[in-house]
Amino acid sequence: MNAALAGFSLGFSLILAIGAQNAFVLRQGLRREHVLAVVLTCALSDALLIAAGVAGFGALAGAAPWLAPVMLYGGVVFLLIYGALALRRAWRGGAALAPAAGAPRALGPVLAACLLFTWANPHVWLDTVVLLGSVAAQYPGQGLAFGGGAVTASFVFFFSLGYGARLLAPLMARPGSWRVLEAGVGVVMWALAAALLLGGPPPAPGVS
């Protein structure tokens, strides 16, 4: 259960950061256009990438014992940088999202754009395959639970974002709301990095 909660918390924190993919899903939700197809595409893509990261790093860690600590500290560096960038965006402010204007688009072009934002985005690969895979290696024998938690986080996030967008429209049009969100992401990233440096896998929220 601890591994599953840790996977969920880390996966949710990573995916929460504002980016092209999330902005696209949010705009589709605000437009109420092909929402189910878009959120399923994003969540299933994440599931495939997370599975590849968890399985790949588990096998490599068994064959090369030195790989786990290397990737652990690489993950710490990535988390620190990720958190610093989020905190910088929170400090600068100025971000806001609004629904795009124009006529409804066909499903094909919408899904093509969704796949591009997902599979051609290096941050998605770093988050799912590299970072989640390296942290999963710190839970020997619990990779499936950790990966399952991270996959669950993706489904929860994308469905909440896509279908909850209409409720968030007035709030997310305010730059101040994004500043609070980015600040929270930055703090979580640094807390996870500190937990790794202090000698173990990051603890799941609410688990002592």
N, C-alpha and C. Protein backbone atom coordinates (compact mmCIF):
# COMPACT_ATOMS: atom_id res chain seq x y z
N MET A 1 0.83 -1.20 0.00
CA MET A 1 0.00 0.00 0.00
C MET A 1 0.87 1.26 0.00
N ASN A 2 1.99 1.24 0.74
CA ASN A 2 2.87 2.39 0.78
C ASN A 2 3.43 2.67 -0.60
N ALA A 3 3.84 1.64 -1.33
CA ALA A 3 4.39 1.83 -2.68
C ALA A 3 3.34 2.38 -3.62
N ALA A 4 2.11 1.89 -3.53
CA ALA A 4 1.04 2.37 -4.40
C ALA A 4 0.74 3.84 -4.13
N LEU A 5 0.69 4.23 -2.85
CA LEU A 5 0.42 5.62 -2.51
C LEU A 5 1.57 6.53 -2.94
N ALA A 6 2.81 6.03 -2.80
CA ALA A 6 3.96 6.81 -3.24
C ALA A 6 3.92 7.00 -4.74
N GLY A 7 3.59 5.93 -5.49
CA GLY A 7 3.47 6.06 -6.94
C GLY A 7 2.38 7.03 -7.33
N PHE A 8 1.25 6.97 -6.63
CA PHE A 8 0.15 7.88 -6.92
C PHE A 8 0.55 9.32 -6.65
N SER A 9 1.18 9.57 -5.48
CA SER A 9 1.53 10.94 -5.12
C SER A 9 2.58 11.52 -6.05
N LEU A 10 3.60 10.74 -6.38
CA LEU A 10 4.63 11.24 -7.27
C LEU A 10 4.08 11.44 -8.68
N GLY A 11 3.32 10.45 -9.16
CA GLY A 11 2.74 10.57 -10.50
C GLY A 11 1.81 11.76 -10.60
N PHE A 12 0.98 11.97 -9.59
CA PHE A 12 0.05 13.09 -9.61
C PHE A 12 0.79 14.42 -9.55
N SER A 13 1.83 14.48 -8.73
CA SER A 13 2.59 15.73 -8.61
C SER A 13 3.29 16.08 -9.92
N LEU A 14 3.85 15.07 -10.58
CA LEU A 14 4.54 15.33 -11.84
C LEU A 14 3.57 15.79 -12.92
N ILE A 15 2.44 15.12 -13.03
CA ILE A 15 1.50 15.42 -14.10
C ILE A 15 0.76 16.73 -13.84
N LEU A 16 0.76 17.17 -12.58
CA LEU A 16 0.05 18.39 -12.23
C LEU A 16 0.71 19.63 -12.81
N ALA A 17 2.00 19.57 -13.08
CA ALA A 17 2.71 20.74 -13.59
C ALA A 17 2.11 21.21 -14.92
N ILE A 18 2.00 22.50 -15.07
CA ILE A 18 1.41 23.06 -16.28
C ILE A 18 2.33 22.80 -17.47
N GLY A 19 1.75 22.35 -18.56
CA GLY A 19 2.52 22.09 -19.76
C GLY A 19 1.60 22.07 -20.96
N ALA A 20 2.17 21.80 -22.13
CA ALA A 20 1.39 21.83 -23.36
C ALA A 20 0.27 20.79 -23.34
N GLN A 21 0.57 19.60 -22.83
CA GLN A 21 -0.43 18.53 -22.81
C GLN A 21 -1.61 18.90 -21.90
N ASN A 22 -1.31 19.35 -20.69
CA ASN A 22 -2.37 19.71 -19.76
C ASN A 22 -3.18 20.90 -20.25
N ALA A 23 -2.50 21.86 -20.85
CA ALA A 23 -3.21 23.02 -21.40
C ALA A 23 -4.16 22.59 -22.51
N PHE A 24 -3.72 21.64 -23.32
CA PHE A 24 -4.56 21.14 -24.40
C PHE A 24 -5.81 20.44 -23.85
N VAL A 25 -5.61 19.56 -22.86
CA VAL A 25 -6.74 18.85 -22.25
C VAL A 25 -7.69 19.84 -21.60
N LEU A 26 -7.15 20.83 -20.92
CA LEU A 26 -7.99 21.81 -20.25
C LEU A 26 -8.81 22.60 -21.26
N ARG A 27 -8.18 23.00 -22.34
CA ARG A 27 -8.92 23.76 -23.36
C ARG A 27 -10.02 22.91 -24.00
N GLN A 28 -9.71 21.62 -24.23
CA GLN A 28 -10.75 20.75 -24.79
C GLN A 28 -11.91 20.61 -23.81
N GLY A 29 -11.58 20.55 -22.53
CA GLY A 29 -12.64 20.47 -21.54
C GLY A 29 -13.46 21.75 -21.48
N LEU A 30 -12.79 22.88 -21.60
CA LEU A 30 -13.51 24.15 -21.60
C LEU A 30 -14.42 24.28 -22.82
N ARG A 31 -13.95 23.72 -23.94
CA ARG A 31 -14.76 23.73 -25.17
C ARG A 31 -15.82 22.63 -25.18
N ARG A 32 -15.68 21.63 -24.26
CA ARG A 32 -16.57 20.46 -24.21
C ARG A 32 -16.56 19.73 -25.56
N GLU A 33 -15.36 19.50 -26.07
CA GLU A 33 -15.18 18.95 -27.41
C GLU A 33 -14.32 17.69 -27.36
N HIS A 34 -14.89 16.52 -27.69
CA HIS A 34 -14.17 15.23 -27.74
C HIS A 34 -13.43 14.96 -26.43
N VAL A 35 -14.04 15.28 -25.31
CA VAL A 35 -13.35 15.20 -24.02
C VAL A 35 -12.99 13.75 -23.68
N LEU A 36 -13.91 12.82 -23.84
CA LEU A 36 -13.64 11.43 -23.48
C LEU A 36 -12.48 10.86 -24.29
N ALA A 37 -12.48 11.10 -25.59
CA ALA A 37 -11.41 10.59 -26.45
C ALA A 37 -10.05 11.18 -26.06
N VAL A 38 -10.04 12.44 -25.71
CA VAL A 38 -8.78 13.11 -25.36
C VAL A 38 -8.24 12.60 -24.04
N VAL A 39 -9.08 12.51 -23.02
CA VAL A 39 -8.57 12.09 -21.71
C VAL A 39 -8.16 10.62 -21.73
N LEU A 40 -8.88 9.78 -22.48
CA LEU A 40 -8.49 8.38 -22.59
C LEU A 40 -7.15 8.24 -23.31
N THR A 41 -6.95 9.01 -24.37
CA THR A 41 -5.69 8.96 -25.11
C THR A 41 -4.52 9.34 -24.21
N CYS A 42 -4.68 10.41 -23.44
CA CYS A 42 -3.61 10.85 -22.56
C CYS A 42 -3.34 9.83 -21.45
N ALA A 43 -4.39 9.33 -20.82
CA ALA A 43 -4.22 8.40 -19.70
C ALA A 43 -3.64 7.07 -20.15
N LEU A 44 -4.12 6.53 -21.27
CA LEU A 44 -3.59 5.26 -21.76
C LEU A 44 -2.15 5.41 -22.24
N SER A 45 -1.81 6.54 -22.83
CA SER A 45 -0.43 6.79 -23.25
C SER A 45 0.48 6.82 -22.03
N ASP A 46 0.04 7.50 -20.98
CA ASP A 46 0.82 7.54 -19.74
C ASP A 46 0.99 6.14 -19.16
N ALA A 47 -0.07 5.34 -19.20
CA ALA A 47 0.01 3.98 -18.65
C ALA A 47 1.06 3.16 -19.38
N LEU A 48 1.11 3.27 -20.70
CA LEU A 48 2.12 2.54 -21.47
C LEU A 48 3.53 3.00 -21.13
N LEU A 49 3.73 4.31 -21.02
CA LEU A 49 5.06 4.84 -20.72
C LEU A 49 5.49 4.49 -19.29
N ILE A 50 4.55 4.56 -18.35
CA ILE A 50 4.88 4.21 -16.97
C ILE A 50 5.25 2.73 -16.87
N ALA A 51 4.48 1.89 -17.55
CA ALA A 51 4.78 0.45 -17.53
C ALA A 51 6.16 0.17 -18.10
N ALA A 52 6.50 0.87 -19.19
CA ALA A 52 7.82 0.69 -19.78
C ALA A 52 8.92 1.12 -18.83
N GLY A 53 8.69 2.24 -18.13
CA GLY A 53 9.69 2.73 -17.18
C GLY A 53 9.87 1.80 -16.00
N VAL A 54 8.77 1.36 -15.41
CA VAL A 54 8.85 0.49 -14.24
C VAL A 54 9.47 -0.86 -14.61
N ALA A 55 9.02 -1.47 -15.70
CA ALA A 55 9.55 -2.77 -16.10
C ALA A 55 10.99 -2.68 -16.54
N GLY A 56 11.30 -1.65 -17.30
CA GLY A 56 12.66 -1.50 -17.82
C GLY A 56 13.69 -1.26 -16.74
N PHE A 57 13.37 -0.38 -15.81
CA PHE A 57 14.34 -0.08 -14.76
C PHE A 57 14.48 -1.22 -13.77
N GLY A 58 13.39 -1.96 -13.56
CA GLY A 58 13.50 -3.11 -12.68
C GLY A 58 14.44 -4.16 -13.24
N ALA A 59 14.32 -4.44 -14.53
CA ALA A 59 15.18 -5.43 -15.17
C ALA A 59 16.63 -4.95 -15.23
N LEU A 60 16.82 -3.68 -15.57
CA LEU A 60 18.18 -3.16 -15.66
C LEU A 60 18.85 -3.10 -14.30
N ALA A 61 18.07 -2.76 -13.25
CA ALA A 61 18.65 -2.69 -11.91
C ALA A 61 19.14 -4.06 -11.45
N GLY A 62 18.44 -5.12 -11.86
CA GLY A 62 18.88 -6.46 -11.50
C GLY A 62 20.16 -6.85 -12.21
N ALA A 63 20.31 -6.42 -13.46
CA ALA A 63 21.49 -6.77 -14.24
C ALA A 63 22.68 -5.86 -13.92
N ALA A 64 22.39 -4.64 -13.52
CA ALA A 64 23.47 -3.68 -13.23
C ALA A 64 23.15 -3.01 -11.89
N PRO A 65 23.66 -3.53 -10.77
CA PRO A 65 23.33 -2.98 -9.45
C PRO A 65 23.69 -1.51 -9.27
N TRP A 66 24.67 -1.02 -10.04
CA TRP A 66 25.09 0.37 -9.89
C TRP A 66 24.08 1.34 -10.50
N LEU A 67 23.16 0.81 -11.33
CA LEU A 67 22.25 1.70 -12.06
C LEU A 67 21.25 2.37 -11.13
N ALA A 68 20.74 1.63 -10.14
CA ALA A 68 19.72 2.18 -9.25
C ALA A 68 20.19 3.44 -8.52
N PRO A 69 21.39 3.40 -7.85
CA PRO A 69 21.81 4.64 -7.18
C PRO A 69 22.10 5.78 -8.15
N VAL A 70 22.62 5.45 -9.33
CA VAL A 70 22.87 6.51 -10.32
C VAL A 70 21.57 7.18 -10.70
N MET A 71 20.55 6.36 -10.99
CA MET A 71 19.27 6.93 -11.38
C MET A 71 18.57 7.60 -10.21
N LEU A 72 18.82 7.10 -8.99
CA LEU A 72 18.24 7.73 -7.81
C LEU A 72 18.71 9.18 -7.70
N TYR A 73 20.04 9.37 -7.78
CA TYR A 73 20.55 10.73 -7.65
C TYR A 73 20.25 11.57 -8.88
N GLY A 74 20.15 10.91 -10.04
CA GLY A 74 19.71 11.63 -11.22
C GLY A 74 18.28 12.12 -11.05
N GLY A 75 17.44 11.27 -10.44
CA GLY A 75 16.07 11.67 -10.17
C GLY A 75 15.99 12.82 -9.17
N VAL A 76 16.88 12.81 -8.18
CA VAL A 76 16.92 13.90 -7.20
C VAL A 76 17.24 15.22 -7.89
N VAL A 77 18.25 15.19 -8.77
CA VAL A 77 18.63 16.40 -9.50
C VAL A 77 17.46 16.89 -10.34
N PHE A 78 16.81 15.94 -11.03
CA PHE A 78 15.68 16.31 -11.88
C PHE A 78 14.56 16.93 -11.05
N LEU A 79 14.25 16.34 -9.89
CA LEU A 79 13.21 16.87 -9.02
C LEU A 79 13.54 18.28 -8.53
N LEU A 80 14.81 18.49 -8.17
CA LEU A 80 15.22 19.82 -7.70
C LEU A 80 15.06 20.87 -8.80
N ILE A 81 15.48 20.51 -10.02
CA ILE A 81 15.35 21.44 -11.15
C ILE A 81 13.89 21.69 -11.47
N TYR A 82 13.12 20.59 -11.51
CA TYR A 82 11.68 20.67 -11.81
C TYR A 82 11.00 21.60 -10.80
N GLY A 83 11.31 21.38 -9.53
CA GLY A 83 10.70 22.21 -8.49
C GLY A 83 11.11 23.67 -8.60
N ALA A 84 12.39 23.90 -8.91
CA ALA A 84 12.87 25.28 -9.04
C ALA A 84 12.17 26.00 -10.19
N LEU A 85 11.97 25.30 -11.31
CA LEU A 85 11.29 25.92 -12.45
C LEU A 85 9.84 26.24 -12.11
N ALA A 86 9.18 25.33 -11.38
CA ALA A 86 7.80 25.58 -10.98
C ALA A 86 7.72 26.78 -10.04
N LEU A 87 8.64 26.86 -9.10
CA LEU A 87 8.64 27.99 -8.17
C LEU A 87 8.96 29.30 -8.89
N ARG A 88 9.83 29.23 -9.90
CA ARG A 88 10.13 30.44 -10.68
C ARG A 88 8.89 30.90 -11.44
N ARG A 89 8.14 29.94 -12.03
CA ARG A 89 6.91 30.33 -12.72
C ARG A 89 5.90 30.92 -11.74
N ALA A 90 5.86 30.36 -10.53
CA ALA A 90 4.95 30.90 -9.52
C ALA A 90 5.34 32.33 -9.14
N TRP A 91 6.65 32.58 -9.05
CA TRP A 91 7.13 33.91 -8.69
C TRP A 91 6.83 34.93 -9.78
N ARG A 92 7.05 34.49 -11.05
CA ARG A 92 6.84 35.41 -12.17
C ARG A 92 5.36 35.65 -12.44
N GLY A 93 4.56 34.58 -12.33
CA GLY A 93 3.14 34.70 -12.61
C GLY A 93 2.89 34.99 -14.09
N GLY A 94 1.67 35.42 -14.39
CA GLY A 94 1.34 35.82 -15.75
C GLY A 94 0.67 34.76 -16.59
N ALA A 95 0.58 33.51 -16.09
CA ALA A 95 -0.03 32.45 -16.88
C ALA A 95 -1.53 32.40 -16.62
N ALA A 96 -2.27 32.15 -17.68
CA ALA A 96 -3.72 31.97 -17.57
C ALA A 96 -4.19 31.22 -18.79
N LEU A 97 -5.29 30.51 -18.64
CA LEU A 97 -5.82 29.75 -19.75
C LEU A 97 -7.27 30.15 -20.00
N ALA A 98 -7.63 30.17 -21.26
CA ALA A 98 -9.00 30.48 -21.64
C ALA A 98 -9.40 29.55 -22.77
N PRO A 99 -10.66 29.23 -22.92
CA PRO A 99 -11.09 28.36 -24.00
C PRO A 99 -10.81 28.98 -25.35
N ALA A 100 -10.36 28.16 -26.28
CA ALA A 100 -10.07 28.66 -27.62
C ALA A 100 -11.38 28.93 -28.35
N ALA A 101 -11.36 29.96 -29.15
CA ALA A 101 -12.55 30.30 -29.92
C ALA A 101 -12.54 29.56 -31.24
N GLY A 102 -13.69 29.58 -31.93
CA GLY A 102 -13.74 28.96 -33.25
C GLY A 102 -14.74 27.83 -33.31
N ALA A 103 -14.91 27.31 -34.54
CA ALA A 103 -15.87 26.23 -34.77
C ALA A 103 -15.33 24.92 -34.21
N PRO A 104 -16.20 23.98 -33.86
CA PRO A 104 -15.76 22.66 -33.37
C PRO A 104 -14.89 21.95 -34.40
N ARG A 105 -13.89 21.23 -33.93
CA ARG A 105 -13.00 20.50 -34.83
C ARG A 105 -13.39 19.03 -34.88
N ALA A 106 -12.97 18.37 -35.96
CA ALA A 106 -13.25 16.95 -36.11
C ALA A 106 -12.40 16.15 -35.14
N LEU A 107 -12.83 14.91 -34.87
CA LEU A 107 -12.12 14.07 -33.91
C LEU A 107 -10.70 13.76 -34.36
N GLY A 108 -10.49 13.46 -35.63
CA GLY A 108 -9.17 13.09 -36.13
C GLY A 108 -8.09 14.11 -35.81
N PRO A 109 -8.26 15.36 -36.24
CA PRO A 109 -7.25 16.37 -35.93
C PRO A 109 -7.04 16.59 -34.43
N VAL A 110 -8.12 16.46 -33.65
CA VAL A 110 -7.99 16.64 -32.20
C VAL A 110 -7.12 15.54 -31.60
N LEU A 111 -7.37 14.28 -31.99
CA LEU A 111 -6.57 13.18 -31.48
C LEU A 111 -5.12 13.25 -31.97
N ALA A 112 -4.93 13.70 -33.20
CA ALA A 112 -3.56 13.84 -33.71
C ALA A 112 -2.79 14.86 -32.88
N ALA A 113 -3.43 15.96 -32.56
CA ALA A 113 -2.77 16.97 -31.72
C ALA A 113 -2.51 16.43 -30.33
N CYS A 114 -3.47 15.67 -29.80
CA CYS A 114 -3.31 15.08 -28.46
C CYS A 114 -2.12 14.13 -28.43
N LEU A 115 -1.99 13.27 -29.43
CA LEU A 115 -0.87 12.33 -29.49
C LEU A 115 0.46 13.07 -29.63
N LEU A 116 0.44 14.16 -30.39
CA LEU A 116 1.67 14.94 -30.56
C LEU A 116 2.09 15.56 -29.25
N PHE A 117 1.15 16.15 -28.53
CA PHE A 117 1.46 16.77 -27.24
C PHE A 117 1.97 15.74 -26.24
N THR A 118 1.56 14.48 -26.41
CA THR A 118 1.95 13.43 -25.46
C THR A 118 3.26 12.75 -25.85
N TRP A 119 3.32 12.18 -27.04
CA TRP A 119 4.45 11.33 -27.42
C TRP A 119 5.65 12.12 -27.95
N ALA A 120 5.42 13.35 -28.40
CA ALA A 120 6.53 14.17 -28.89
C ALA A 120 7.02 15.15 -27.83
N ASN A 121 6.52 14.99 -26.61
CA ASN A 121 6.88 15.90 -25.52
C ASN A 121 7.97 15.26 -24.66
N PRO A 122 9.19 15.78 -24.67
CA PRO A 122 10.27 15.16 -23.89
C PRO A 122 9.99 15.14 -22.40
N HIS A 123 9.22 16.11 -21.90
CA HIS A 123 8.91 16.12 -20.46
C HIS A 123 8.06 14.93 -20.07
N VAL A 124 7.18 14.50 -20.96
CA VAL A 124 6.36 13.32 -20.66
C VAL A 124 7.25 12.09 -20.52
N TRP A 125 8.23 11.94 -21.41
CA TRP A 125 9.15 10.79 -21.34
C TRP A 125 10.00 10.86 -20.08
N LEU A 126 10.49 12.04 -19.73
CA LEU A 126 11.31 12.19 -18.53
C LEU A 126 10.51 11.85 -17.28
N ASP A 127 9.27 12.34 -17.23
CA ASP A 127 8.44 12.10 -16.05
C ASP A 127 8.09 10.64 -15.88
N THR A 128 7.61 10.00 -16.96
CA THR A 128 7.07 8.65 -16.86
C THR A 128 8.14 7.57 -16.91
N VAL A 129 8.95 7.58 -17.98
CA VAL A 129 9.92 6.50 -18.17
C VAL A 129 11.14 6.67 -17.27
N VAL A 130 11.70 7.87 -17.25
CA VAL A 130 12.97 8.08 -16.53
C VAL A 130 12.74 8.25 -15.03
N LEU A 131 11.98 9.27 -14.65
CA LEU A 131 11.87 9.58 -13.22
C LEU A 131 11.05 8.53 -12.47
N LEU A 132 9.83 8.24 -12.96
CA LEU A 132 9.01 7.23 -12.26
C LEU A 132 9.68 5.86 -12.30
N GLY A 133 10.36 5.55 -13.41
CA GLY A 133 11.05 4.28 -13.49
C GLY A 133 12.19 4.17 -12.50
N SER A 134 12.94 5.26 -12.33
CA SER A 134 14.07 5.24 -11.39
C SER A 134 13.60 5.17 -9.94
N VAL A 135 12.53 5.87 -9.61
CA VAL A 135 12.01 5.83 -8.24
C VAL A 135 11.38 4.46 -7.96
N ALA A 136 10.72 3.88 -8.96
CA ALA A 136 10.12 2.55 -8.77
C ALA A 136 11.17 1.51 -8.43
N ALA A 137 12.40 1.71 -8.93
CA ALA A 137 13.48 0.76 -8.64
C ALA A 137 13.85 0.77 -7.17
N GLN A 138 13.44 1.81 -6.43
CA GLN A 138 13.73 1.88 -4.99
C GLN A 138 12.73 1.07 -4.16
N TYR A 139 11.76 0.44 -4.84
CA TYR A 139 10.77 -0.39 -4.16
C TYR A 139 10.89 -1.83 -4.68
N PRO A 140 11.91 -2.56 -4.26
CA PRO A 140 12.10 -3.93 -4.76
C PRO A 140 10.88 -4.80 -4.52
N GLY A 141 10.44 -5.47 -5.57
CA GLY A 141 9.30 -6.36 -5.46
C GLY A 141 7.95 -5.66 -5.41
N GLN A 142 7.95 -4.33 -5.44
CA GLN A 142 6.69 -3.58 -5.36
C GLN A 142 6.50 -2.67 -6.57
N GLY A 143 7.23 -2.99 -7.64
CA GLY A 143 7.14 -2.16 -8.84
C GLY A 143 5.74 -2.10 -9.41
N LEU A 144 5.02 -3.23 -9.36
CA LEU A 144 3.66 -3.27 -9.90
C LEU A 144 2.74 -2.35 -9.11
N ALA A 145 2.87 -2.36 -7.79
CA ALA A 145 2.04 -1.49 -6.95
C ALA A 145 2.39 -0.03 -7.19
N PHE A 146 3.68 0.28 -7.27
CA PHE A 146 4.11 1.66 -7.51
C PHE A 146 3.60 2.15 -8.87
N GLY A 147 3.81 1.31 -9.90
CA GLY A 147 3.35 1.70 -11.23
C GLY A 147 1.84 1.81 -11.29
N GLY A 148 1.13 0.91 -10.61
CA GLY A 148 -0.32 0.99 -10.58
C GLY A 148 -0.81 2.27 -9.95
N GLY A 149 -0.13 2.70 -8.89
CA GLY A 149 -0.49 3.97 -8.27
C GLY A 149 -0.29 5.14 -9.19
N ALA A 150 0.85 5.13 -9.93
CA ALA A 150 1.13 6.22 -10.87
C ALA A 150 0.13 6.24 -12.02
N VAL A 151 -0.23 5.06 -12.53
CA VAL A 151 -1.22 4.97 -13.61
C VAL A 151 -2.58 5.48 -13.13
N THR A 152 -2.95 5.08 -11.92
CA THR A 152 -4.22 5.56 -11.36
C THR A 152 -4.23 7.08 -11.26
N ALA A 153 -3.09 7.66 -10.87
CA ALA A 153 -3.00 9.11 -10.77
C ALA A 153 -3.25 9.77 -12.13
N SER A 154 -2.71 9.16 -13.19
CA SER A 154 -2.90 9.72 -14.53
C SER A 154 -4.38 9.71 -14.92
N PHE A 155 -5.06 8.58 -14.68
CA PHE A 155 -6.48 8.49 -15.03
C PHE A 155 -7.29 9.49 -14.21
N VAL A 156 -7.03 9.55 -12.90
CA VAL A 156 -7.76 10.48 -12.04
C VAL A 156 -7.54 11.92 -12.50
N PHE A 157 -6.29 12.26 -12.80
CA PHE A 157 -5.98 13.64 -13.16
C PHE A 157 -6.62 14.03 -14.49
N PHE A 158 -6.41 13.21 -15.52
CA PHE A 158 -6.91 13.60 -16.84
C PHE A 158 -8.44 13.65 -16.89
N PHE A 159 -9.11 12.69 -16.25
CA PHE A 159 -10.57 12.72 -16.25
C PHE A 159 -11.08 13.91 -15.43
N SER A 160 -10.41 14.20 -14.32
CA SER A 160 -10.81 15.35 -13.52
C SER A 160 -10.58 16.65 -14.28
N LEU A 161 -9.45 16.74 -14.96
CA LEU A 161 -9.13 17.96 -15.71
C LEU A 161 -10.08 18.15 -16.88
N GLY A 162 -10.30 17.08 -17.65
CA GLY A 162 -11.14 17.20 -18.82
C GLY A 162 -12.59 17.52 -18.49
N TYR A 163 -13.15 16.78 -17.52
CA TYR A 163 -14.56 16.96 -17.21
C TYR A 163 -14.81 18.03 -16.14
N GLY A 164 -13.78 18.39 -15.41
CA GLY A 164 -13.94 19.44 -14.41
C GLY A 164 -13.59 20.82 -14.93
N ALA A 165 -13.13 20.89 -16.18
CA ALA A 165 -12.68 22.16 -16.74
C ALA A 165 -13.78 23.22 -16.72
N ARG A 166 -15.01 22.79 -17.01
CA ARG A 166 -16.10 23.77 -17.07
C ARG A 166 -16.32 24.43 -15.71
N LEU A 167 -16.02 23.69 -14.63
CA LEU A 167 -16.16 24.27 -13.30
C LEU A 167 -14.99 25.18 -12.96
N LEU A 168 -13.84 24.89 -13.57
CA LEU A 168 -12.63 25.66 -13.27
C LEU A 168 -12.47 26.89 -14.15
N ALA A 169 -13.29 27.01 -15.18
CA ALA A 169 -13.11 28.09 -16.16
C ALA A 169 -12.95 29.47 -15.53
N PRO A 170 -13.84 29.88 -14.62
CA PRO A 170 -13.66 31.23 -14.05
C PRO A 170 -12.38 31.34 -13.21
N LEU A 171 -12.05 30.27 -12.49
CA LEU A 171 -10.88 30.30 -11.61
C LEU A 171 -9.58 30.30 -12.39
N MET A 172 -9.48 29.40 -13.41
CA MET A 172 -8.23 29.23 -14.11
C MET A 172 -7.94 30.36 -15.11
N ALA A 173 -8.89 31.26 -15.29
CA ALA A 173 -8.62 32.44 -16.11
C ALA A 173 -7.82 33.48 -15.34
N ARG A 174 -7.63 33.24 -14.04
CA ARG A 174 -6.89 34.19 -13.20
C ARG A 174 -5.44 33.74 -13.04
N PRO A 175 -4.48 34.58 -13.39
CA PRO A 175 -3.07 34.21 -13.23
C PRO A 175 -2.71 33.82 -11.80
N GLY A 176 -3.37 34.42 -10.81
CA GLY A 176 -3.05 34.11 -9.42
C GLY A 176 -3.31 32.66 -9.07
N SER A 177 -4.31 32.05 -9.70
CA SER A 177 -4.61 30.64 -9.43
C SER A 177 -3.48 29.75 -9.90
N TRP A 178 -2.91 30.06 -11.06
CA TRP A 178 -1.80 29.26 -11.57
C TRP A 178 -0.55 29.44 -10.70
N ARG A 179 -0.37 30.64 -10.12
CA ARG A 179 0.78 30.87 -9.27
C ARG A 179 0.71 29.98 -8.03
N VAL A 180 -0.48 29.84 -7.45
CA VAL A 180 -0.65 28.97 -6.28
C VAL A 180 -0.39 27.53 -6.67
N LEU A 181 -0.91 27.11 -7.82
CA LEU A 181 -0.71 25.74 -8.29
C LEU A 181 0.76 25.43 -8.51
N GLU A 182 1.46 26.34 -9.19
CA GLU A 182 2.88 26.13 -9.48
C GLU A 182 3.69 26.09 -8.19
N ALA A 183 3.37 26.94 -7.24
CA ALA A 183 4.09 26.95 -5.97
C ALA A 183 3.91 25.61 -5.26
N GLY A 184 2.70 25.08 -5.27
CA GLY A 184 2.45 23.78 -4.65
C GLY A 184 3.23 22.66 -5.32
N VAL A 185 3.29 22.69 -6.65
CA VAL A 185 4.06 21.68 -7.39
C VAL A 185 5.54 21.76 -7.01
N GLY A 186 6.07 22.98 -6.94
CA GLY A 186 7.48 23.15 -6.60
C GLY A 186 7.82 22.62 -5.22
N VAL A 187 6.96 22.89 -4.24
CA VAL A 187 7.19 22.41 -2.87
C VAL A 187 7.16 20.89 -2.83
N VAL A 188 6.20 20.27 -3.52
CA VAL A 188 6.10 18.81 -3.53
C VAL A 188 7.34 18.19 -4.18
N MET A 189 7.81 18.76 -5.27
CA MET A 189 8.99 18.23 -5.94
C MET A 189 10.22 18.27 -5.03
N TRP A 190 10.41 19.37 -4.34
CA TRP A 190 11.56 19.49 -3.44
C TRP A 190 11.42 18.56 -2.24
N ALA A 191 10.20 18.37 -1.75
CA ALA A 191 9.99 17.45 -0.63
C ALA A 191 10.33 16.02 -1.04
N LEU A 192 9.95 15.62 -2.24
CA LEU A 192 10.28 14.28 -2.74
C LEU A 192 11.78 14.11 -2.91
N ALA A 193 12.46 15.15 -3.41
CA ALA A 193 13.91 15.09 -3.57
C ALA A 193 14.59 14.94 -2.21
N ALA A 194 14.11 15.68 -1.22
CA ALA A 194 14.69 15.59 0.13
C ALA A 194 14.48 14.20 0.71
N ALA A 195 13.30 13.62 0.50
CA ALA A 195 13.02 12.28 1.02
C ALA A 195 13.96 11.25 0.41
N LEU A 196 14.24 11.37 -0.88
CA LEU A 196 15.17 10.45 -1.53
C LEU A 196 16.58 10.61 -0.98
N LEU A 197 17.00 11.86 -0.79
CA LEU A 197 18.36 12.12 -0.30
C LEU A 197 18.55 11.63 1.14
N LEU A 198 17.48 11.61 1.91
CA LEU A 198 17.58 11.22 3.31
C LEU A 198 17.60 9.72 3.52
N GLY A 199 17.66 8.98 2.42
CA GLY A 199 17.94 7.56 2.57
C GLY A 199 16.83 6.59 2.30
N GLY A 200 15.94 6.91 1.39
CA GLY A 200 14.92 5.93 1.08
C GLY A 200 13.92 6.46 0.10
N PRO A 201 12.98 5.61 -0.27
CA PRO A 201 11.92 6.03 -1.17
C PRO A 201 11.09 7.12 -0.54
N PRO A 202 10.50 8.00 -1.36
CA PRO A 202 9.68 9.06 -0.81
C PRO A 202 8.45 8.52 -0.12
N PRO A 203 8.14 9.01 1.07
CA PRO A 203 6.96 8.51 1.78
C PRO A 203 5.68 8.98 1.11
N ALA A 204 4.66 8.15 1.19
CA ALA A 204 3.36 8.54 0.66
C ALA A 204 2.67 9.48 1.63
N PRO A 205 1.90 10.46 1.13
CA PRO A 205 1.21 11.37 2.03
C PRO A 205 0.28 10.62 2.98
N GLY A 206 0.34 11.01 4.24
CA GLY A 206 -0.56 10.41 5.22
C GLY A 206 -0.09 9.07 5.73
N VAL A 207 1.10 8.60 5.28
CA VAL A 207 1.61 7.31 5.74
C VAL A 207 2.84 7.55 6.58
N SER A 208 2.85 7.11 7.81
CA SER A 208 3.99 7.31 8.69
C SER A 208 4.94 6.14 8.62
